[in-house]
Amino acid sequence: MRILLLLLIGFLFAKADESFLMQTHIRMLPKIMALDTRLASKAPSSKLILAIVYDTNKKANAQLIANEMNTIHNGKVSNFSFTALPVSVDELMTRKEITFVYSIQHTTAPSIKKIAAWGIANTVPTFSYDVNDMEFGILGSIAIERSTIIYINKNTLKEGKYRFNDTLFQIARLVE
């Protein structure tokens, strides 16, 4: 009985941590997007598009994240207007007006590789829910350890020729 109770408590804490991490991503990603020094030149229209990229059968999750991001930030970050939209991995491959990509949790490795390659080819920053996705070429992720940490993949940063305000590099941890 005690073991069952401990497992239940562990599960509840894991769910709470997952929710807290997601809220951190929702609040921080548009701010990180605003630190891209090439942002104004990437958007042909006046409104930037932050793509919430999902894999098969995860559109509802991506839509919830996009809605919450749009609500919390009220369509504005820094001096930029933006909108978060759910976009499938396949749809992402054909779109050119996207300025920042966020891959939601439980995205498969082949999809992550496609997202990363697309981001590098189009010089569009790619972030993922899972820090481990950086091994497939994703530019960055946010983790909560003792504090909130932004991880940036140093190799992808160079390969994709991304340019960010120095503020990001002062608070981020570069990893290889």
N, C-alpha and C. Protein backbone atom coordinates (compact mmCIF):
# COMPACT_ATOMS: atom_id res chain seq x y z
N MET A 1 0.82 -1.19 0.00
CA MET A 1 0.00 0.00 0.00
C MET A 1 0.87 1.27 0.00
N ARG A 2 1.94 1.26 0.78
CA ARG A 2 2.84 2.42 0.84
C ARG A 2 3.51 2.65 -0.51
N ILE A 3 3.90 1.56 -1.16
CA ILE A 3 4.55 1.69 -2.46
C ILE A 3 3.58 2.30 -3.47
N LEU A 4 2.34 1.87 -3.44
CA LEU A 4 1.34 2.42 -4.34
C LEU A 4 1.13 3.91 -4.08
N LEU A 5 1.09 4.29 -2.82
CA LEU A 5 0.93 5.69 -2.45
C LEU A 5 2.13 6.52 -2.92
N LEU A 6 3.35 5.98 -2.75
CA LEU A 6 4.54 6.69 -3.20
C LEU A 6 4.56 6.84 -4.73
N LEU A 7 4.16 5.79 -5.43
CA LEU A 7 4.09 5.87 -6.89
C LEU A 7 3.07 6.92 -7.34
N LEU A 8 1.94 6.97 -6.68
CA LEU A 8 0.90 7.96 -7.01
C LEU A 8 1.41 9.38 -6.77
N ILE A 9 2.07 9.60 -5.64
CA ILE A 9 2.62 10.93 -5.32
C ILE A 9 3.70 11.30 -6.35
N GLY A 10 4.58 10.34 -6.71
CA GLY A 10 5.61 10.59 -7.72
C GLY A 10 5.00 10.95 -9.06
N PHE A 11 3.93 10.25 -9.45
CA PHE A 11 3.25 10.54 -10.71
C PHE A 11 2.66 11.94 -10.69
N LEU A 12 2.03 12.33 -9.59
CA LEU A 12 1.43 13.66 -9.50
C LEU A 12 2.49 14.76 -9.57
N PHE A 13 3.63 14.55 -8.91
CA PHE A 13 4.70 15.53 -8.98
C PHE A 13 5.28 15.61 -10.39
N ALA A 14 5.42 14.47 -11.06
CA ALA A 14 5.92 14.47 -12.44
C ALA A 14 4.98 15.25 -13.35
N LYS A 15 3.68 15.07 -13.20
CA LYS A 15 2.70 15.80 -14.01
C LYS A 15 2.77 17.29 -13.71
N ALA A 16 2.93 17.64 -12.42
CA ALA A 16 3.03 19.05 -12.05
C ALA A 16 4.28 19.68 -12.64
N ASP A 17 5.41 18.95 -12.61
CA ASP A 17 6.65 19.45 -13.19
C ASP A 17 6.51 19.64 -14.69
N GLU A 18 5.86 18.68 -15.36
CA GLU A 18 5.65 18.76 -16.81
C GLU A 18 4.81 19.98 -17.16
N SER A 19 3.77 20.22 -16.40
CA SER A 19 2.90 21.38 -16.63
C SER A 19 3.67 22.68 -16.39
N PHE A 20 4.47 22.72 -15.34
CA PHE A 20 5.25 23.91 -15.03
C PHE A 20 6.26 24.18 -16.14
N LEU A 21 6.90 23.11 -16.65
CA LEU A 21 7.86 23.27 -17.74
C LEU A 21 7.16 23.80 -18.99
N MET A 22 5.98 23.29 -19.29
CA MET A 22 5.24 23.75 -20.46
C MET A 22 4.88 25.23 -20.31
N GLN A 23 4.45 25.63 -19.13
CA GLN A 23 4.13 27.05 -18.90
C GLN A 23 5.37 27.92 -19.07
N THR A 24 6.52 27.42 -18.64
CA THR A 24 7.77 28.15 -18.82
C THR A 24 8.07 28.33 -20.29
N HIS A 25 7.89 27.28 -21.08
CA HIS A 25 8.12 27.37 -22.53
C HIS A 25 7.17 28.39 -23.15
N ILE A 26 5.92 28.32 -22.79
CA ILE A 26 4.91 29.22 -23.35
C ILE A 26 5.25 30.68 -23.06
N ARG A 27 5.75 30.94 -21.88
CA ARG A 27 6.08 32.32 -21.50
C ARG A 27 7.41 32.81 -22.08
N MET A 28 8.38 31.91 -22.23
CA MET A 28 9.72 32.34 -22.64
C MET A 28 9.99 32.30 -24.14
N LEU A 29 9.39 31.38 -24.86
CA LEU A 29 9.74 31.22 -26.28
C LEU A 29 9.50 32.47 -27.13
N PRO A 30 8.37 33.16 -26.99
CA PRO A 30 8.23 34.40 -27.78
C PRO A 30 9.31 35.44 -27.43
N LYS A 31 9.74 35.47 -26.18
CA LYS A 31 10.80 36.41 -25.78
C LYS A 31 12.13 36.02 -26.42
N ILE A 32 12.40 34.72 -26.49
CA ILE A 32 13.61 34.26 -27.16
C ILE A 32 13.52 34.58 -28.66
N MET A 33 12.35 34.37 -29.25
CA MET A 33 12.15 34.69 -30.66
C MET A 33 12.47 36.16 -30.92
N ALA A 34 12.08 37.04 -30.02
CA ALA A 34 12.30 38.48 -30.18
C ALA A 34 13.78 38.85 -30.14
N LEU A 35 14.63 37.96 -29.63
CA LEU A 35 16.06 38.23 -29.57
C LEU A 35 16.79 37.89 -30.88
N ASP A 36 16.07 37.33 -31.84
CA ASP A 36 16.64 37.05 -33.16
C ASP A 36 16.85 38.39 -33.86
N THR A 37 18.10 38.72 -34.17
CA THR A 37 18.39 40.03 -34.74
C THR A 37 17.95 40.17 -36.20
N ARG A 38 17.62 39.05 -36.83
CA ARG A 38 17.15 39.09 -38.22
C ARG A 38 15.63 38.96 -38.31
N LEU A 39 14.97 39.10 -37.21
CA LEU A 39 13.54 38.86 -37.15
C LEU A 39 12.74 39.76 -38.09
N ALA A 40 13.03 41.03 -38.09
CA ALA A 40 12.26 41.97 -38.92
C ALA A 40 12.39 41.65 -40.41
N SER A 41 13.55 41.17 -40.83
CA SER A 41 13.74 40.88 -42.25
C SER A 41 13.13 39.54 -42.66
N LYS A 42 12.80 38.68 -41.70
CA LYS A 42 12.26 37.35 -42.01
C LYS A 42 10.77 37.36 -42.30
N ALA A 43 10.08 38.35 -41.80
CA ALA A 43 8.62 38.37 -41.94
C ALA A 43 8.21 39.32 -43.06
N PRO A 44 7.68 38.79 -44.15
CA PRO A 44 7.24 39.68 -45.22
C PRO A 44 6.03 40.52 -44.81
N SER A 45 5.23 40.01 -43.90
CA SER A 45 4.09 40.79 -43.40
C SER A 45 4.50 41.41 -42.07
N SER A 46 3.62 42.16 -41.49
CA SER A 46 3.95 42.81 -40.23
C SER A 46 3.81 41.88 -39.03
N LYS A 47 3.17 40.73 -39.21
CA LYS A 47 2.95 39.81 -38.11
C LYS A 47 3.84 38.58 -38.26
N LEU A 48 4.62 38.29 -37.21
CA LEU A 48 5.50 37.14 -37.22
C LEU A 48 4.70 35.87 -36.91
N ILE A 49 5.18 34.74 -37.41
CA ILE A 49 4.51 33.47 -37.15
C ILE A 49 5.44 32.55 -36.37
N LEU A 50 4.98 32.17 -35.18
CA LEU A 50 5.66 31.21 -34.35
C LEU A 50 4.92 29.88 -34.54
N ALA A 51 5.56 28.94 -35.20
CA ALA A 51 4.92 27.66 -35.52
C ALA A 51 5.06 26.70 -34.35
N ILE A 52 3.95 26.18 -33.89
CA ILE A 52 3.93 25.13 -32.88
C ILE A 52 3.80 23.83 -33.68
N VAL A 53 4.91 23.14 -33.87
CA VAL A 53 4.96 22.01 -34.78
C VAL A 53 4.62 20.72 -34.04
N TYR A 54 3.74 19.96 -34.66
CA TYR A 54 3.29 18.71 -34.07
C TYR A 54 3.47 17.56 -35.03
N ASP A 55 3.56 16.38 -34.45
CA ASP A 55 3.65 15.14 -35.20
C ASP A 55 2.25 14.53 -35.26
N THR A 56 2.11 13.41 -35.86
CA THR A 56 0.82 12.76 -36.06
C THR A 56 -0.06 12.75 -34.80
N ASN A 57 -1.30 13.06 -34.99
CA ASN A 57 -2.34 13.00 -33.95
C ASN A 57 -2.09 13.91 -32.75
N LYS A 58 -1.33 14.95 -32.88
CA LYS A 58 -1.05 15.86 -31.76
C LYS A 58 -1.52 17.28 -32.04
N LYS A 59 -2.38 17.45 -33.05
CA LYS A 59 -2.82 18.79 -33.41
C LYS A 59 -3.55 19.49 -32.26
N ALA A 60 -4.35 18.75 -31.52
CA ALA A 60 -5.10 19.35 -30.41
C ALA A 60 -4.14 19.91 -29.35
N ASN A 61 -3.07 19.18 -29.06
CA ASN A 61 -2.08 19.67 -28.09
C ASN A 61 -1.41 20.94 -28.60
N ALA A 62 -1.03 20.93 -29.88
CA ALA A 62 -0.37 22.10 -30.47
C ALA A 62 -1.31 23.30 -30.48
N GLN A 63 -2.59 23.07 -30.75
CA GLN A 63 -3.57 24.15 -30.76
C GLN A 63 -3.74 24.76 -29.36
N LEU A 64 -3.75 23.92 -28.33
CA LEU A 64 -3.85 24.42 -26.95
C LEU A 64 -2.65 25.28 -26.59
N ILE A 65 -1.46 24.83 -26.97
CA ILE A 65 -0.25 25.60 -26.69
C ILE A 65 -0.28 26.93 -27.44
N ALA A 66 -0.65 26.89 -28.71
CA ALA A 66 -0.73 28.12 -29.51
C ALA A 66 -1.74 29.10 -28.92
N ASN A 67 -2.91 28.60 -28.55
CA ASN A 67 -3.94 29.46 -27.97
C ASN A 67 -3.45 30.11 -26.68
N GLU A 68 -2.81 29.32 -25.83
CA GLU A 68 -2.33 29.86 -24.56
C GLU A 68 -1.22 30.89 -24.78
N MET A 69 -0.34 30.60 -25.72
CA MET A 69 0.75 31.53 -26.03
C MET A 69 0.18 32.85 -26.55
N ASN A 70 -0.80 32.77 -27.44
CA ASN A 70 -1.43 33.99 -27.98
C ASN A 70 -2.15 34.76 -26.90
N THR A 71 -2.81 34.06 -25.98
CA THR A 71 -3.54 34.72 -24.89
C THR A 71 -2.60 35.39 -23.91
N ILE A 72 -1.58 34.67 -23.47
CA ILE A 72 -0.65 35.21 -22.46
C ILE A 72 0.10 36.43 -23.00
N HIS A 73 0.54 36.36 -24.24
CA HIS A 73 1.34 37.45 -24.80
C HIS A 73 0.52 38.48 -25.56
N ASN A 74 -0.77 38.21 -25.71
CA ASN A 74 -1.67 39.13 -26.38
C ASN A 74 -1.17 39.52 -27.77
N GLY A 75 -0.53 38.56 -28.46
CA GLY A 75 -0.09 38.79 -29.83
C GLY A 75 1.06 39.75 -29.98
N LYS A 76 1.78 40.03 -28.89
CA LYS A 76 2.87 40.99 -28.97
C LYS A 76 4.02 40.56 -28.06
N VAL A 77 5.22 40.71 -28.58
CA VAL A 77 6.42 40.50 -27.79
C VAL A 77 7.45 41.53 -28.24
N SER A 78 8.03 42.22 -27.28
CA SER A 78 8.94 43.31 -27.57
C SER A 78 8.20 44.31 -28.47
N ASN A 79 8.76 44.66 -29.60
CA ASN A 79 8.10 45.58 -30.54
C ASN A 79 7.45 44.85 -31.70
N PHE A 80 7.30 43.55 -31.58
CA PHE A 80 6.81 42.73 -32.68
C PHE A 80 5.42 42.17 -32.40
N SER A 81 4.61 42.14 -33.44
CA SER A 81 3.33 41.44 -33.38
C SER A 81 3.58 40.02 -33.87
N PHE A 82 2.98 39.06 -33.19
CA PHE A 82 3.16 37.68 -33.63
C PHE A 82 1.89 36.89 -33.37
N THR A 83 1.83 35.75 -34.02
CA THR A 83 0.77 34.80 -33.76
C THR A 83 1.38 33.41 -33.73
N ALA A 84 0.95 32.62 -32.76
CA ALA A 84 1.38 31.23 -32.67
C ALA A 84 0.34 30.37 -33.37
N LEU A 85 0.80 29.50 -34.26
CA LEU A 85 -0.10 28.65 -35.04
C LEU A 85 0.35 27.20 -34.97
N PRO A 86 -0.60 26.26 -34.85
CA PRO A 86 -0.21 24.85 -34.94
C PRO A 86 0.09 24.51 -36.40
N VAL A 87 1.20 23.83 -36.64
CA VAL A 87 1.63 23.47 -37.98
C VAL A 87 2.15 22.04 -37.94
N SER A 88 1.68 21.19 -38.85
CA SER A 88 2.18 19.82 -38.90
C SER A 88 3.60 19.82 -39.46
N VAL A 89 4.33 18.75 -39.19
CA VAL A 89 5.70 18.64 -39.70
C VAL A 89 5.70 18.73 -41.22
N ASP A 90 4.76 18.04 -41.87
CA ASP A 90 4.70 18.07 -43.34
C ASP A 90 4.36 19.46 -43.87
N GLU A 91 3.46 20.15 -43.20
CA GLU A 91 3.09 21.51 -43.61
C GLU A 91 4.27 22.46 -43.44
N LEU A 92 5.05 22.27 -42.39
CA LEU A 92 6.22 23.12 -42.14
C LEU A 92 7.19 23.10 -43.32
N MET A 93 7.35 21.93 -43.93
CA MET A 93 8.30 21.78 -45.03
C MET A 93 7.95 22.65 -46.24
N THR A 94 6.70 23.07 -46.36
CA THR A 94 6.28 23.86 -47.53
C THR A 94 6.10 25.35 -47.22
N ARG A 95 6.19 25.73 -45.96
CA ARG A 95 5.94 27.12 -45.59
C ARG A 95 7.24 27.91 -45.52
N LYS A 96 7.17 29.14 -45.95
CA LYS A 96 8.37 30.00 -45.96
C LYS A 96 8.22 31.22 -45.05
N GLU A 97 7.02 31.52 -44.59
CA GLU A 97 6.80 32.74 -43.81
C GLU A 97 6.96 32.55 -42.30
N ILE A 98 7.35 31.37 -41.87
CA ILE A 98 7.50 31.08 -40.44
C ILE A 98 8.81 31.68 -39.94
N THR A 99 8.77 32.30 -38.76
CA THR A 99 9.95 32.97 -38.23
C THR A 99 10.58 32.27 -37.02
N PHE A 100 9.85 31.34 -36.41
CA PHE A 100 10.37 30.62 -35.24
C PHE A 100 9.58 29.32 -35.11
N VAL A 101 10.25 28.24 -34.71
CA VAL A 101 9.61 26.93 -34.62
C VAL A 101 9.77 26.36 -33.22
N TYR A 102 8.67 25.82 -32.70
CA TYR A 102 8.69 25.11 -31.43
C TYR A 102 8.06 23.74 -31.65
N SER A 103 8.83 22.70 -31.37
CA SER A 103 8.35 21.33 -31.52
C SER A 103 7.82 20.84 -30.17
N ILE A 104 6.57 20.40 -30.16
CA ILE A 104 5.95 19.96 -28.91
C ILE A 104 6.51 18.60 -28.48
N GLN A 105 6.19 18.22 -27.26
CA GLN A 105 6.68 16.96 -26.72
C GLN A 105 6.12 15.77 -27.49
N HIS A 106 6.83 14.65 -27.40
CA HIS A 106 6.47 13.38 -28.03
C HIS A 106 6.53 13.44 -29.56
N THR A 107 7.39 14.27 -30.10
CA THR A 107 7.61 14.29 -31.54
C THR A 107 8.66 13.23 -31.85
N THR A 108 8.45 12.47 -32.90
CA THR A 108 9.34 11.35 -33.22
C THR A 108 10.70 11.86 -33.73
N ALA A 109 11.72 11.01 -33.59
CA ALA A 109 13.07 11.37 -34.02
C ALA A 109 13.14 11.71 -35.51
N PRO A 110 12.50 10.94 -36.41
CA PRO A 110 12.55 11.34 -37.83
C PRO A 110 11.94 12.72 -38.08
N SER A 111 10.88 13.04 -37.37
CA SER A 111 10.25 14.37 -37.53
C SER A 111 11.16 15.46 -36.98
N ILE A 112 11.79 15.20 -35.84
CA ILE A 112 12.72 16.18 -35.26
C ILE A 112 13.86 16.46 -36.23
N LYS A 113 14.37 15.43 -36.86
CA LYS A 113 15.46 15.60 -37.83
C LYS A 113 15.00 16.47 -39.01
N LYS A 114 13.77 16.25 -39.48
CA LYS A 114 13.24 17.06 -40.58
C LYS A 114 13.07 18.52 -40.16
N ILE A 115 12.55 18.73 -38.96
CA ILE A 115 12.37 20.09 -38.43
C ILE A 115 13.71 20.80 -38.32
N ALA A 116 14.69 20.13 -37.76
CA ALA A 116 16.02 20.72 -37.57
C ALA A 116 16.66 21.07 -38.92
N ALA A 117 16.58 20.15 -39.87
CA ALA A 117 17.17 20.40 -41.19
C ALA A 117 16.46 21.57 -41.88
N TRP A 118 15.13 21.63 -41.77
CA TRP A 118 14.38 22.73 -42.36
C TRP A 118 14.79 24.06 -41.71
N GLY A 119 14.94 24.07 -40.40
CA GLY A 119 15.33 25.29 -39.70
C GLY A 119 16.69 25.79 -40.12
N ILE A 120 17.65 24.87 -40.23
CA ILE A 120 19.00 25.25 -40.66
C ILE A 120 18.98 25.78 -42.09
N ALA A 121 18.28 25.08 -42.97
CA ALA A 121 18.22 25.49 -44.38
C ALA A 121 17.56 26.85 -44.57
N ASN A 122 16.59 27.18 -43.72
CA ASN A 122 15.84 28.43 -43.85
C ASN A 122 16.25 29.49 -42.82
N THR A 123 17.28 29.22 -42.05
CA THR A 123 17.76 30.10 -40.98
C THR A 123 16.62 30.50 -40.05
N VAL A 124 15.81 29.53 -39.68
CA VAL A 124 14.70 29.75 -38.75
C VAL A 124 15.02 29.00 -37.45
N PRO A 125 15.13 29.71 -36.34
CA PRO A 125 15.45 29.05 -35.07
C PRO A 125 14.41 27.98 -34.70
N THR A 126 14.92 26.84 -34.23
CA THR A 126 14.06 25.73 -33.83
C THR A 126 14.31 25.41 -32.36
N PHE A 127 13.25 25.37 -31.60
CA PHE A 127 13.33 24.97 -30.19
C PHE A 127 12.42 23.78 -30.00
N SER A 128 12.73 22.98 -29.00
CA SER A 128 11.95 21.78 -28.73
C SER A 128 11.63 21.68 -27.25
N TYR A 129 10.55 20.99 -26.95
CA TYR A 129 10.17 20.72 -25.57
C TYR A 129 11.24 19.87 -24.89
N ASP A 130 11.81 18.93 -25.62
CA ASP A 130 12.74 17.96 -25.07
C ASP A 130 14.18 18.37 -25.36
N VAL A 131 14.97 18.55 -24.33
CA VAL A 131 16.38 18.93 -24.48
C VAL A 131 17.14 17.89 -25.30
N ASN A 132 16.76 16.64 -25.20
CA ASN A 132 17.45 15.57 -25.93
C ASN A 132 17.31 15.71 -27.44
N ASP A 133 16.34 16.47 -27.92
CA ASP A 133 16.16 16.67 -29.35
C ASP A 133 17.30 17.48 -29.97
N MET A 134 18.08 18.13 -29.13
CA MET A 134 19.19 18.93 -29.64
C MET A 134 20.24 18.05 -30.32
N GLU A 135 20.31 16.77 -29.96
CA GLU A 135 21.26 15.88 -30.61
C GLU A 135 20.91 15.63 -32.08
N PHE A 136 19.68 15.94 -32.47
CA PHE A 136 19.25 15.79 -33.86
C PHE A 136 19.35 17.08 -34.65
N GLY A 137 19.89 18.15 -34.04
CA GLY A 137 20.10 19.40 -34.75
C GLY A 137 19.14 20.52 -34.37
N ILE A 138 18.28 20.30 -33.39
CA ILE A 138 17.41 21.37 -32.90
C ILE A 138 18.30 22.43 -32.24
N LEU A 139 17.99 23.70 -32.46
CA LEU A 139 18.83 24.78 -31.95
C LEU A 139 18.80 24.90 -30.43
N GLY A 140 17.62 24.79 -29.82
CA GLY A 140 17.59 25.03 -28.39
C GLY A 140 16.41 24.40 -27.68
N SER A 141 16.48 24.50 -26.35
CA SER A 141 15.41 24.02 -25.49
C SER A 141 15.54 24.71 -24.14
N ILE A 142 14.49 24.59 -23.37
CA ILE A 142 14.47 25.18 -22.03
C ILE A 142 14.28 24.05 -21.04
N ALA A 143 15.08 24.04 -19.99
CA ALA A 143 14.96 23.01 -18.95
C ALA A 143 14.88 23.68 -17.59
N ILE A 144 14.29 22.97 -16.66
CA ILE A 144 14.25 23.46 -15.29
C ILE A 144 15.07 22.51 -14.45
N GLU A 145 16.16 23.02 -13.93
CA GLU A 145 17.02 22.25 -13.03
C GLU A 145 16.94 22.96 -11.69
N ARG A 146 18.02 23.49 -11.20
CA ARG A 146 17.93 24.32 -9.98
C ARG A 146 17.28 25.66 -10.31
N SER A 147 17.43 26.05 -11.55
CA SER A 147 16.78 27.26 -12.06
C SER A 147 16.40 26.96 -13.51
N THR A 148 15.80 27.92 -14.16
CA THR A 148 15.44 27.75 -15.57
C THR A 148 16.69 27.98 -16.41
N ILE A 149 16.94 27.03 -17.32
CA ILE A 149 18.14 27.11 -18.15
C ILE A 149 17.74 27.02 -19.62
N ILE A 150 18.27 27.93 -20.40
CA ILE A 150 18.08 27.89 -21.85
C ILE A 150 19.33 27.24 -22.43
N TYR A 151 19.13 26.15 -23.15
CA TYR A 151 20.24 25.46 -23.81
C TYR A 151 20.25 25.84 -25.28
N ILE A 152 21.43 26.12 -25.80
CA ILE A 152 21.62 26.42 -27.21
C ILE A 152 22.67 25.45 -27.77
N ASN A 153 22.34 24.80 -28.88
CA ASN A 153 23.24 23.87 -29.54
C ASN A 153 24.27 24.68 -30.34
N LYS A 154 25.50 24.66 -29.87
CA LYS A 154 26.57 25.47 -30.47
C LYS A 154 26.81 25.11 -31.94
N ASN A 155 26.80 23.82 -32.26
CA ASN A 155 27.04 23.38 -33.64
C ASN A 155 25.92 23.83 -34.57
N THR A 156 24.68 23.70 -34.12
CA THR A 156 23.54 24.13 -34.93
C THR A 156 23.54 25.65 -35.09
N LEU A 157 23.92 26.36 -34.04
CA LEU A 157 24.01 27.82 -34.09
C LEU A 157 24.94 28.26 -35.22
N LYS A 158 26.10 27.61 -35.33
CA LYS A 158 27.06 27.94 -36.38
C LYS A 158 26.55 27.49 -37.76
N GLU A 159 26.05 26.25 -37.82
CA GLU A 159 25.62 25.70 -39.11
C GLU A 159 24.46 26.48 -39.71
N GLY A 160 23.52 26.91 -38.87
CA GLY A 160 22.35 27.64 -39.35
C GLY A 160 22.58 29.13 -39.52
N LYS A 161 23.75 29.60 -39.12
CA LYS A 161 24.10 31.03 -39.22
C LYS A 161 23.05 31.91 -38.55
N TYR A 162 22.60 31.48 -37.38
CA TYR A 162 21.62 32.25 -36.62
C TYR A 162 22.30 33.43 -35.96
N ARG A 163 21.56 34.51 -35.79
CA ARG A 163 22.07 35.72 -35.14
C ARG A 163 21.08 36.15 -34.06
N PHE A 164 21.57 36.26 -32.85
CA PHE A 164 20.74 36.67 -31.73
C PHE A 164 21.39 37.84 -31.01
N ASN A 165 20.58 38.58 -30.31
CA ASN A 165 21.05 39.64 -29.44
C ASN A 165 21.96 39.00 -28.38
N ASP A 166 22.99 39.71 -27.97
CA ASP A 166 23.95 39.19 -26.99
C ASP A 166 23.29 38.81 -25.66
N THR A 167 22.15 39.39 -25.38
CA THR A 167 21.44 39.07 -24.14
C THR A 167 21.17 37.57 -24.02
N LEU A 168 20.82 36.93 -25.13
CA LEU A 168 20.55 35.49 -25.09
C LEU A 168 21.80 34.72 -24.68
N PHE A 169 22.94 35.10 -25.20
CA PHE A 169 24.16 34.37 -24.90
C PHE A 169 24.65 34.62 -23.47
N GLN A 170 24.20 35.70 -22.87
CA GLN A 170 24.55 35.95 -21.48
C GLN A 170 23.76 35.07 -20.52
N ILE A 171 22.55 34.66 -20.95
CA ILE A 171 21.72 33.86 -20.05
C ILE A 171 21.64 32.39 -20.48
N ALA A 172 22.06 32.06 -21.69
CA ALA A 172 21.95 30.69 -22.19
C ALA A 172 23.21 29.90 -21.91
N ARG A 173 23.06 28.59 -21.94
CA ARG A 173 24.18 27.68 -21.80
C ARG A 173 24.41 27.02 -23.17
N LEU A 174 25.59 27.25 -23.74
CA LEU A 174 25.93 26.65 -25.03
C LEU A 174 26.44 25.23 -24.80
N VAL A 175 25.89 24.29 -25.59
CA VAL A 175 26.31 22.89 -25.49
C VAL A 175 26.67 22.37 -26.88
N GLU A 176 27.51 21.34 -26.90
CA GLU A 176 27.90 20.75 -28.20
C GLU A 176 27.22 19.43 -28.39
